[in-house]
C-alpha atoms as a PDB file:
ATOM      1  CA  MET A   1      -0.718  13.834 -10.332  1.00  0.00           C
ATOM      2  CA  GLN A   2       1.091  12.971 -13.598  1.00  0.00           C
ATOM      3  CA  LYS A   3       0.992   9.856 -15.693  1.00  0.00           C
ATOM      4  CA  LEU A   4       4.691   8.937 -16.273  1.00  0.00           C
ATOM      5  CA  THR A   5       6.675   6.108 -17.810  1.00  0.00           C
ATOM      6  CA  VAL A   6       9.132   4.218 -15.533  1.00  0.00           C
ATOM      7  CA  GLU A   7      11.973   5.985 -17.310  1.00  0.00           C
ATOM      8  CA  GLN A   8      10.513   9.450 -16.560  1.00  0.00           C
ATOM      9  CA  ILE A   9       9.835   8.480 -12.925  1.00  0.00           C
ATOM     10  CA  ILE A  10      13.437   7.301 -12.453  1.00  0.00           C
ATOM     11  CA  SER A  11      14.746  10.471 -14.220  1.00  0.00           C
ATOM     12  CA  LYS A  12      12.807  12.665 -11.780  1.00  0.00           C
ATOM     13  CA  ILE A  13      14.220  10.634  -8.891  1.00  0.00           C
ATOM     14  CA  GLU A  14      17.719  11.029 -10.128  1.00  0.00           C
ATOM     15  CA  ALA A  15      17.178  14.764 -10.505  1.00  0.00           C
ATOM     16  CA  LYS A  16      15.765  14.942  -6.947  1.00  0.00           C
ATOM     17  CA  GLU A  17      12.408  16.421  -8.178  1.00  0.00           C
ATOM     18  CA  ALA A  18       9.284  16.471  -6.104  1.00  0.00           C
ATOM     19  CA  PHE A  19       6.333  14.912  -7.986  1.00  0.00           C
ATOM     20  CA  HIS A  20       3.163  12.839  -7.756  1.00  0.00           C
ATOM     21  CA  ALA A  21       2.881  10.217 -10.403  1.00  0.00           C
ATOM     22  CA  VAL A  22       0.973   7.122 -11.522  1.00  0.00           C
ATOM     23  CA  SER A  23       2.884   4.789 -13.782  1.00  0.00           C
ATOM     24  CA  SER A  24       1.872   4.958 -17.407  1.00  0.00           C
ATOM     25  CA  ASP A  25       0.243   1.429 -17.161  1.00  0.00           C
ATOM     26  CA  TYR A  26      -1.524   2.505 -13.938  1.00  0.00           C
ATOM     27  CA  SER A  27       0.043  -0.302 -11.908  1.00  0.00           C
ATOM     28  CA  PHE A  28       1.500   1.757  -9.081  1.00  0.00           C
ATOM     29  CA  THR A  29       1.711   5.331  -7.606  1.00  0.00           C
ATOM     30  CA  LEU A  30       4.531   7.212  -6.198  1.00  0.00           C
ATOM     31  CA  LYS A  31       4.509  10.617  -4.525  1.00  0.00           C
ATOM     32  CA  ILE A  32       7.586  12.436  -3.415  1.00  0.00           C
ATOM     33  CA  ASP A  33       7.028  15.773  -1.665  1.00  0.00           C
ATOM     34  CA  ASP A  34      10.499  15.909  -0.088  1.00  0.00           C
ATOM     35  CA  TYR A  35      13.501  13.580  -0.201  1.00  0.00           C
ATOM     36  CA  VAL A  36      13.386  12.737   3.457  1.00  0.00           C
ATOM     37  CA  HIS A  37      15.147   9.692   5.069  1.00  0.00           C
ATOM     38  CA  TYR A  38      12.029   7.473   5.272  1.00  0.00           C
ATOM     39  CA  ILE A  39       9.629   5.882   2.903  1.00  0.00           C
ATOM     40  CA  CYS A  40       6.162   4.444   3.278  1.00  0.00           C
ATOM     41  CA  GLY A  41       5.104   1.546   1.090  1.00  0.00           C
ATOM     42  CA  ALA A  42       1.804  -0.319   0.563  1.00  0.00           C
ATOM     43  CA  VAL A  43       2.393  -3.014  -2.004  1.00  0.00           C
ATOM     44  CA  HIS A  44      -0.847  -4.899  -1.480  1.00  0.00           C
ATOM     45  CA  ASP A  45      -3.062  -1.819  -1.373  1.00  0.00           C
ATOM     46  CA  GLY A  46      -4.255  -2.327  -4.960  1.00  0.00           C
ATOM     47  CA  HIS A  47      -7.559  -3.953  -6.113  1.00  0.00           C
ATOM     48  CA  GLN A  48      -7.336  -3.439  -9.903  1.00  0.00           C
ATOM     49  CA  PHE A  49      -7.777  -6.654 -11.862  1.00  0.00           C
ATOM     50  CA  ARG A  50      -7.452  -6.378 -15.655  1.00  0.00           C
ATOM     51  CA  LYS A  51     -10.470  -7.280 -17.743  1.00  0.00           C
ATOM     52  CA  SER A  52      -8.693  -9.849 -19.804  1.00  0.00           C
ATOM     53  CA  LEU A  53      -8.376 -11.989 -16.672  1.00  0.00           C
ATOM     54  CA  TRP A  54     -11.941 -11.753 -15.447  1.00  0.00           C
ATOM     55  CA  ASN A  55     -13.503 -14.731 -17.242  1.00  0.00           C
ATOM     56  CA  ASN A  56     -10.681 -16.963 -16.405  1.00  0.00           C
ATOM     57  CA  CYS A  57     -10.570 -16.291 -12.648  1.00  0.00           C
ATOM     58  CA  LEU A  58     -12.400 -18.672 -10.195  1.00  0.00           C
ATOM     59  CA  HIS A  59     -12.095 -16.269  -7.245  1.00  0.00           C
ATOM     60  CA  THR A  60     -14.810 -13.669  -6.766  1.00  0.00           C
ATOM     61  CA  GLU A  61     -14.076 -10.039  -6.283  1.00  0.00           C
ATOM     62  CA  TYR A  62     -14.841 -10.411  -2.550  1.00  0.00           C
ATOM     63  CA  GLU A  63     -12.340 -13.264  -2.227  1.00  0.00           C
ATOM     64  CA  ARG A  64      -9.707 -11.115  -3.841  1.00  0.00           C
ATOM     65  CA  TRP A  65     -10.537  -8.081  -1.536  1.00  0.00           C
ATOM     66  CA  TYR A  66     -10.386 -10.486   1.452  1.00  0.00           C
ATOM     67  CA  GLU A  67      -6.810 -11.312   0.792  1.00  0.00           C
ATOM     68  CA  GLU A  68      -5.640  -7.824  -0.315  1.00  0.00           C
ATOM     69  CA  ASP A  69      -4.563  -5.039   2.159  1.00  0.00           C
ATOM     70  CA  PRO A  70      -7.144  -2.359   1.488  1.00  0.00           C
ATOM     71  CA  GLU A  71      -6.708   1.099   3.129  1.00  0.00           C
ATOM     72  CA  THR A  72      -2.946   0.475   3.918  1.00  0.00           C
ATOM     73  CA  LYS A  73      -1.953   3.358   1.633  1.00  0.00           C
ATOM     74  CA  ASN A  74      -4.473   5.613   3.274  1.00  0.00           C
ATOM     75  CA  MET A  75      -2.905   4.921   6.687  1.00  0.00           C
ATOM     76  CA  VAL A  76       0.410   6.580   5.464  1.00  0.00           C
ATOM     77  CA  VAL A  77      -0.867   8.945   2.747  1.00  0.00           C
ATOM     78  CA  SER A  78       0.206  12.111   4.474  1.00  0.00           C
ATOM     79  CA  HIS A  79       3.885  11.262   4.500  1.00  0.00           C
ATOM     80  CA  PRO A  80       6.393  12.821   2.056  1.00  0.00           C
ATOM     81  CA  ILE A  81       7.285   9.604   0.120  1.00  0.00           C
ATOM     82  CA  VAL A  82       4.661   6.964  -0.459  1.00  0.00           C
ATOM     83  CA  ILE A  83       4.832   4.138  -3.036  1.00  0.00           C
ATOM     84  CA  ALA A  84       1.798   1.814  -3.440  1.00  0.00           C
ATOM     85  CA  GLY A  85       0.593  -0.887  -5.820  1.00  0.00           C
ATOM     86  CA  CYS A  86      -2.639  -0.331  -7.780  1.00  0.00           C
ATOM     87  CA  ASP A  87      -3.120  -3.874  -9.039  1.00  0.00           C
ATOM     88  CA  SER A  88      -4.543  -6.816  -7.061  1.00  0.00           C
ATOM     89  CA  ARG A  89      -1.993  -9.374  -5.852  1.00  0.00           C
ATOM     90  CA  PHE A  90      -4.225 -11.888  -7.705  1.00  0.00           C
ATOM     91  CA  GLU A  91      -2.878 -10.582 -10.899  1.00  0.00           C
ATOM     92  CA  TYR A  92       0.746 -10.575  -9.659  1.00  0.00           C
ATOM     93  CA  ASP A  93       2.036 -10.288  -6.165  1.00  0.00           C
ATOM     94  CA  LEU A  94       4.604  -7.474  -5.554  1.00  0.00           C
ATOM     95  CA  ASN A  95       5.551  -9.079  -2.334  1.00  0.00           C
ATOM     96  CA  ARG A  96       6.846 -12.198  -4.096  1.00  0.00           C
ATOM     97  CA  ALA A  97       9.840 -12.675  -6.414  1.00  0.00           C
ATOM     98  CA  SER A  98       9.078 -12.555 -10.042  1.00  0.00           C
ATOM     99  CA  GLU A  99       9.300 -16.309 -10.570  1.00  0.00           C
ATOM    100  CA  SER A 100       6.453 -16.964  -8.044  1.00  0.00           C
ATOM    101  CA  ALA A 101       4.523 -13.727  -8.316  1.00  0.00           C
ATOM    102  CA  ILE A 102       1.685 -15.129 -10.410  1.00  0.00           C
ATOM    103  CA  TYR A 103      -0.436 -17.503  -8.412  1.00  0.00           C
ATOM    104  CA  GLU A 104      -1.656 -20.900  -9.646  1.00  0.00           C
ATOM    105  CA  ASP A 105      -3.714 -21.288  -6.556  1.00  0.00           C
ATOM    106  CA  ALA A 106      -4.387 -18.918  -3.734  1.00  0.00           C
ATOM    107  CA  TRP A 107      -5.191 -19.800  -0.154  1.00  0.00           C
ATOM    108  CA  GLY A 108      -6.120 -23.449  -0.959  1.00  0.00           C
ATOM    109  CA  LYS A 109      -8.193 -22.620  -3.929  1.00  0.00           C
ATOM    110  CA  ARG A 110      -7.252 -22.939  -7.614  1.00  0.00           C
ATOM    111  CA  LEU A 111      -7.181 -19.489  -9.182  1.00  0.00           C
ATOM    112  CA  TRP A 112      -7.495 -19.988 -12.929  1.00  0.00           C
ATOM    113  CA  LYS A 113     -10.032 -22.035 -14.901  1.00  0.00           C
ATOM    114  CA  LYS A 114      -7.273 -22.814 -17.396  1.00  0.00           C
ATOM    115  CA  PRO A 115      -3.599 -21.971 -17.351  1.00  0.00           C
ATOM    116  CA  LEU A 116      -2.677 -18.415 -18.148  1.00  0.00           C
ATOM    117  CA  PRO A 117      -1.406 -17.711 -21.691  1.00  0.00           C
ATOM    118  CA  GLU A 118       2.262 -16.648 -21.724  1.00  0.00           C
ATOM    119  CA  GLU A 119       1.249 -13.242 -23.112  1.00  0.00           C
ATOM    120  CA  GLU A 120      -0.849 -12.576 -20.018  1.00  0.00           C
ATOM    121  CA  LYS A 121       1.949 -13.689 -17.755  1.00  0.00           C
ATOM    122  CA  GLN A 122       4.481 -11.456 -19.542  1.00  0.00           C
ATOM    123  CA  LYS A 123       2.225  -8.407 -19.277  1.00  0.00           C
ATOM    124  CA  SER A 124       1.993  -8.839 -15.427  1.00  0.00           C
ATOM    125  CA  MET A 125       5.684  -9.581 -15.011  1.00  0.00           C
ATOM    126  CA  GLY A 126       6.464  -6.387 -16.924  1.00  0.00           C
ATOM    127  CA  LYS A 127       4.657  -4.487 -14.233  1.00  0.00           C
ATOM    128  CA  HIS A 128       6.339  -6.298 -11.518  1.00  0.00           C
ATOM    129  CA  ASP A 129       9.751  -5.583 -12.950  1.00  0.00           C
ATOM    130  CA  ALA A 130       9.048  -2.035 -13.496  1.00  0.00           C
ATOM    131  CA  PHE A 131       7.925  -1.440  -9.979  1.00  0.00           C
ATOM    132  CA  TYR A 132      11.239  -2.861  -8.594  1.00  0.00           C
ATOM    133  CA  LYS A 133      13.248  -0.721 -10.968  1.00  0.00           C
ATOM    134  CA  VAL A 134      11.646   2.347  -9.425  1.00  0.00           C
ATOM    135  CA  VAL A 135      12.084   0.962  -5.833  1.00  0.00           C
ATOM    136  CA  HIS A 136      15.853   0.425  -6.453  1.00  0.00           C
ATOM    137  CA  ALA A 137      16.276   3.937  -7.891  1.00  0.00           C
ATOM    138  CA  LEU A 138      14.312   5.500  -5.031  1.00  0.00           C
ATOM    139  CA  ILE A 139      16.240   3.757  -2.217  1.00  0.00           C
ATOM    140  CA  ASP A 140      19.453   4.356  -3.996  1.00  0.00           C
ATOM    141  CA  LYS A 141      18.703   7.997  -4.047  1.00  0.00           C
ATOM    142  CA  ILE A 142      17.651   8.239  -0.411  1.00  0.00           C
ATOM    143  CA  GLU A 143      20.692   6.423   0.846  1.00  0.00           C
ATOM    144  CA  SER A 144      22.947   8.605  -1.384  1.00  0.00           C
ATOM    145  CA  ILE A 145      21.418  11.759   0.316  1.00  0.00           C
ATOM    146  CA  HIS A 146      21.150  10.559   3.912  1.00  0.00           C
ATOM    147  CA  GLY A 147      23.490   7.579   4.275  1.00  0.00           C
ATOM    148  CA  VAL A 148      20.607   5.527   5.817  1.00  0.00           C
ATOM    149  CA  ALA A 149      16.963   4.995   5.165  1.00  0.00           C
ATOM    150  CA  ILE A 150      13.991   3.343   6.830  1.00  0.00           C
ATOM    151  CA  VAL A 151      10.942   1.906   4.974  1.00  0.00           C
ATOM    152  CA  TYR A 152       7.606   1.387   6.680  1.00  0.00           C
ATOM    153  CA  ASP A 153       6.207  -1.531   4.724  1.00  0.00           C
ATOM    154  CA  MET A 154       2.483  -1.504   5.522  1.00  0.00           C
ATOM    155  CA  HIS A 155       0.269  -4.577   5.327  1.00  0.00           C
ATOM    156  CA  SER A 156      -2.880  -6.015   6.913  1.00  0.00           C
ATOM    157  CA  TYR A 157      -4.037  -9.458   7.834  1.00  0.00           C
ATOM    158  CA  ASN A 158      -7.296 -11.397   8.522  1.00  0.00           C
ATOM    159  CA  TRP A 159      -7.249 -11.801  12.213  1.00  0.00           C
ATOM    160  CA  LYS A 160     -10.579 -13.657  12.425  1.00  0.00           C
ATOM    161  CA  ARG A 161      -9.181 -16.738  10.634  1.00  0.00           C
ATOM    162  CA  TRP A 162      -6.825 -17.364  13.536  1.00  0.00           C
ATOM    163  CA  ASP A 163      -7.891 -19.718  16.321  1.00  0.00           C
ATOM    164  CA  ARG A 164      -6.012 -17.931  19.002  1.00  0.00           C
ATOM    165  CA  GLU A 165      -5.577 -14.352  20.202  1.00  0.00           C
ATOM    166  CA  VAL A 166      -3.404 -12.357  17.828  1.00  0.00           C
ATOM    167  CA  PRO A 167      -2.009  -8.780  18.074  1.00  0.00           C
ATOM    168  CA  THR A 168      -3.410  -5.691  16.516  1.00  0.00           C
ATOM    169  CA  TRP A 169       0.043  -5.058  15.077  1.00  0.00           C
ATOM    170  CA  ASN A 170       2.651  -7.573  14.045  1.00  0.00           C
ATOM    171  CA  LEU A 171       6.269  -6.825  13.049  1.00  0.00           C
ATOM    172  CA  GLY A 172       7.966  -9.241  10.818  1.00  0.00           C
ATOM    173  CA  THR A 173      11.746  -9.012  11.445  1.00  0.00           C
ATOM    174  CA  SER A 174      13.231 -12.438  10.522  1.00  0.00           C
ATOM    175  CA  ASN A 175      14.923 -11.043   7.423  1.00  0.00           C
ATOM    176  CA  VAL A 176      16.456  -7.802   8.895  1.00  0.00           C
ATOM    177  CA  ASP A 177      19.507  -7.289  11.047  1.00  0.00           C
ATOM    178  CA  ALA A 178      17.882  -7.551  14.416  1.00  0.00           C
ATOM    179  CA  ILE A 179      21.162  -7.024  16.278  1.00  0.00           C
ATOM    180  CA  ARG A 180      22.044  -3.737  14.440  1.00  0.00           C
ATOM    181  CA  PHE A 181      18.425  -2.518  14.391  1.00  0.00           C
ATOM    182  CA  GLY A 182      16.985  -4.102  17.537  1.00  0.00           C
ATOM    183  CA  MET A 183      16.348  -0.861  19.322  1.00  0.00           C
ATOM    184  CA  ASP A 184      14.554   0.518  16.284  1.00  0.00           C
ATOM    185  CA  ILE A 185      12.382  -2.529  16.025  1.00  0.00           C
ATOM    186  CA  GLU A 186      11.415  -2.463  19.665  1.00  0.00           C
ATOM    187  CA  ASP A 187      10.767   1.356  19.651  1.00  0.00           C
ATOM    188  CA  TRP A 188       8.376   0.845  16.650  1.00  0.00           C
ATOM    189  CA  ARG A 189       6.579  -2.003  18.396  1.00  0.00           C
ATOM    190  CA  GLN A 190       6.183   0.054  21.504  1.00  0.00           C
ATOM    191  CA  SER A 191       4.944   3.063  19.598  1.00  0.00           C
ATOM    192  CA  LEU A 192       2.256   1.073  17.790  1.00  0.00           C
ATOM    193  CA  SER A 193       0.967  -0.394  21.113  1.00  0.00           C
ATOM    194  CA  GLU A 194       0.332   3.144  22.288  1.00  0.00           C
ATOM    195  CA  LEU A 195      -2.185   4.050  19.595  1.00  0.00           C
ATOM    196  CA  SER A 196      -5.628   4.986  20.733  1.00  0.00           C
ATOM    197  CA  LEU A 197      -8.347   3.300  18.489  1.00  0.00           C
ATOM    198  CA  PRO A 198     -12.002   3.930  18.330  1.00  0.00           C
ATOM    199  CA  ASN A 199     -14.696   1.343  18.982  1.00  0.00           C
ATOM    200  CA  GLY A 200     -12.930  -0.113  22.027  1.00  0.00           C
ATOM    201  CA  ILE A 201     -10.147  -1.645  19.861  1.00  0.00           C
ATOM    202  CA  GLU A 202      -7.029  -2.453  21.836  1.00  0.00           C
ATOM    203  CA  SER A 203      -3.713  -1.649  20.078  1.00  0.00           C
ATOM    204  CA  THR A 204      -1.531  -4.501  20.988  1.00  0.00           C
ATOM    205  CA  SER A 205       1.772  -5.255  19.201  1.00  0.00           C
ATOM    206  CA  LYS A 206       4.150  -8.157  18.964  1.00  0.00           C
ATOM    207  CA  ILE A 207       7.232  -9.256  16.948  1.00  0.00           C
ATOM    208  CA  ASN A 208       7.116 -12.276  14.605  1.00  0.00           C
ATOM    209  CA  ASP A 209       3.823 -13.500  16.232  1.00  0.00           C
ATOM    210  CA  THR A 210       1.565 -14.044  13.115  1.00  0.00           C
ATOM    211  CA  PHE A 211       4.085 -13.257  10.245  1.00  0.00           C
ATOM    212  CA  GLN A 212       7.876 -13.249  10.202  1.00  0.00           C
ATOM    213  CA  GLY A 213       8.555 -10.600   7.524  1.00  0.00           C
ATOM    214  CA  ASN A 214       9.282 -12.962   4.571  1.00  0.00           C
ATOM    215  CA  GLY A 215       7.992 -10.604   1.840  1.00  0.00           C
ATOM    216  CA  TYR A 216       9.985  -9.932  -1.337  1.00  0.00           C
ATOM    217  CA  PHE A 217       9.628  -6.077  -0.935  1.00  0.00           C
ATOM    218  CA  LEU A 218      11.560  -6.298   2.320  1.00  0.00           C
ATOM    219  CA  LYS A 219      14.084  -8.926   1.095  1.00  0.00           C
ATOM    220  CA  PHE A 220      14.736  -7.058  -2.196  1.00  0.00           C
ATOM    221  CA  ILE A 221      15.542  -3.820  -0.335  1.00  0.00           C
ATOM    222  CA  SER A 222      17.486  -5.481   2.459  1.00  0.00           C
ATOM    223  CA  LYS A 223      19.629  -7.458  -0.111  1.00  0.00           C
ATOM    224  CA  ASN A 224      20.447  -4.491  -2.195  1.00  0.00           C
ATOM    225  CA  PHE A 225      20.844  -1.738   0.448  1.00  0.00           C
ATOM    226  CA  LYS A 226      22.620  -2.523   3.643  1.00  0.00           C
ATOM    227  CA  ASN A 227      21.908   0.772   5.320  1.00  0.00           C
ATOM    228  CA  THR A 228      18.172   0.591   4.934  1.00  0.00           C
ATOM    229  CA  LEU A 229      15.895  -0.939   7.496  1.00  0.00           C
ATOM    230  CA  VAL A 230      12.564  -2.278   6.255  1.00  0.00           C
ATOM    231  CA  LEU A 231       9.902  -2.678   8.958  1.00  0.00           C
ATOM    232  CA  ALA A 232       7.133  -5.125   7.704  1.00  0.00           C
ATOM    233  CA  THR A 233       4.260  -3.687   9.695  1.00  0.00           C
ATOM    234  CA  GLU A 234       0.958  -5.682   9.648  1.00  0.00           C
ATOM    235  CA  ILE A 235      -2.248  -4.322  11.173  1.00  0.00           C
ATOM    236  CA  ALA A 236      -4.996  -6.897  11.854  1.00  0.00           C
ATOM    237  CA  LYS A 237      -8.115  -5.986   9.885  1.00  0.00           C
ATOM    238  CA  VAL A 238      -9.777  -4.366  12.871  1.00  0.00           C
ATOM    239  CA  TYR A 239     -10.513  -1.380  10.530  1.00  0.00           C
ATOM    240  CA  CYS A 240     -13.069  -3.420   8.572  1.00  0.00           C
ATOM    241  CA  ASP A 241     -15.347  -6.402   8.823  1.00  0.00           C
ATOM    242  CA  GLU A 242     -13.384  -8.882   6.740  1.00  0.00           C
ATOM    243  CA  TYR A 243     -16.452 -11.178   6.344  1.00  0.00           C
ATOM    244  CA  ASP A 244     -19.046  -8.563   5.513  1.00  0.00           C
ATOM    245  CA  CYS A 245     -16.722  -6.452   3.291  1.00  0.00           C
ATOM    246  CA  ILE A 246     -17.394  -3.238   5.280  1.00  0.00           C
ATOM    247  CA  THR A 247     -14.678  -0.668   5.942  1.00  0.00           C
ATOM    248  CA  TYR A 248     -14.689   1.382   9.222  1.00  0.00           C
ATOM    249  CA  PRO A 249     -13.418   4.790   8.001  1.00  0.00           C
ATOM    250  CA  GLU A 250     -13.225   6.158  11.554  1.00  0.00           C
ATOM    251  CA  VAL A 251     -10.636   3.434  12.421  1.00  0.00           C
ATOM    252  CA  VAL A 252      -8.582   4.032   9.244  1.00  0.00           C
ATOM    253  CA  ALA A 253      -8.639   7.874   9.997  1.00  0.00           C
ATOM    254  CA  ALA A 254      -7.533   7.320  13.650  1.00  0.00           C
ATOM    255  CA  VAL A 255      -4.572   5.150  12.511  1.00  0.00           C
ATOM    256  CA  GLU A 256      -3.549   7.657   9.780  1.00  0.00           C
ATOM    257  CA  PHE A 257      -3.825  10.580  12.157  1.00  0.00           C
ATOM    258  CA  GLN A 258      -1.675   9.065  14.815  1.00  0.00           C
ATOM    259  CA  LEU A 259       0.937   7.633  12.380  1.00  0.00           C
ATOM    260  CA  ARG A 260       1.516  11.149  11.093  1.00  0.00           C
ATOM    261  CA  ASP A 261       3.533  11.907  14.229  1.00  0.00           C
ATOM    262  CA  ARG A 262       4.572   8.492  15.222  1.00  0.00           C
ATOM    263  CA  ILE A 263       6.311   7.611  11.944  1.00  0.00           C
ATOM    264  CA  VAL A 264       8.215  10.910  11.910  1.00  0.00           C
ATOM    265  CA  THR A 265       9.285  10.545  15.490  1.00  0.00           C
ATOM    266  CA  HIS A 266      10.438   6.971  14.918  1.00  0.00           C
ATOM    267  CA  ALA A 267      12.203   7.709  11.639  1.00  0.00           C
ATOM    268  CA  ASN A 268      13.993  10.763  13.203  1.00  0.00           C
ATOM    269  CA  ALA A 269      15.259   8.625  16.079  1.00  0.00           C
ATOM    270  CA  PHE A 270      16.425   5.956  13.689  1.00  0.00           C
ATOM    271  CA  TYR A 271      18.348   8.575  11.699  1.00  0.00           C
ATOM    272  CA  LYS A 272      20.065   9.959  14.744  1.00  0.00           C
ATOM    273  CA  ARG A 273      21.035   6.522  15.902  1.00  0.00           C
ATOM    274  CA  HIS A 274      22.472   5.285  12.629  1.00  0.00           C
ATOM    275  CA  ALA A 275      23.342   8.213  10.297  1.00  0.00           C
ATOM    276  CA  MET A 276      26.769   8.871  11.879  1.00  0.00           C
ATOM    277  CA  GLN A 277      27.877   5.256  12.043  1.00  0.00           C
END
């Protein structure tokens, strides 16, 4: 893996080079082994929280971990194109627009002891903007090669906080073209329901049950690229104990192993369905 500036990363994308990189400020990673027609993203995988913010933050490290999406990058790590955030969403949220990406409060609790200095905000916003410059360049290149693209936008959610039965997998589709891509959405939901998970975990899947797919990553891509489908794919945190902060690596490994084939199969079906339109 190389440490590269945003300009160097975009240059390599434009030249269609294969590479593994971390941004020069260590805010995100991108690997491209092959310029295939699908991309995996994990914008909330990161847990880094820069030191200059520590003393001003009211949330504990556990509280931050609880609201992040740990292991979501590892669930898709074997695929040819993977982009993932390294920083905690508590510094800036890549799944929100820039004007709302820095929290003042988070999940009902004030985040900062005193308001963030403008210098700290600008440092975080620079990282947010850089990420989306790369996302734009990446999708643009994939669409230019294949005509269409599909993005598997991986997230997780805290299922124990719900007071009703919720699915293992939730697809948020309210901001994508459900008429044009309806078969692709349903095929993906069906495929996720067929996973075999350890520890007696049932792999149920629903559409717009717990979340509706309102994230900025999805909206940004959908607005700028009409031939790219983003599937906001949320797994309930059955792969960890969200209260005791324990990860179950056997569950993460089972998901990753089965998504190796299921994502490829689904992405290929999507391509055959839409590439010639």
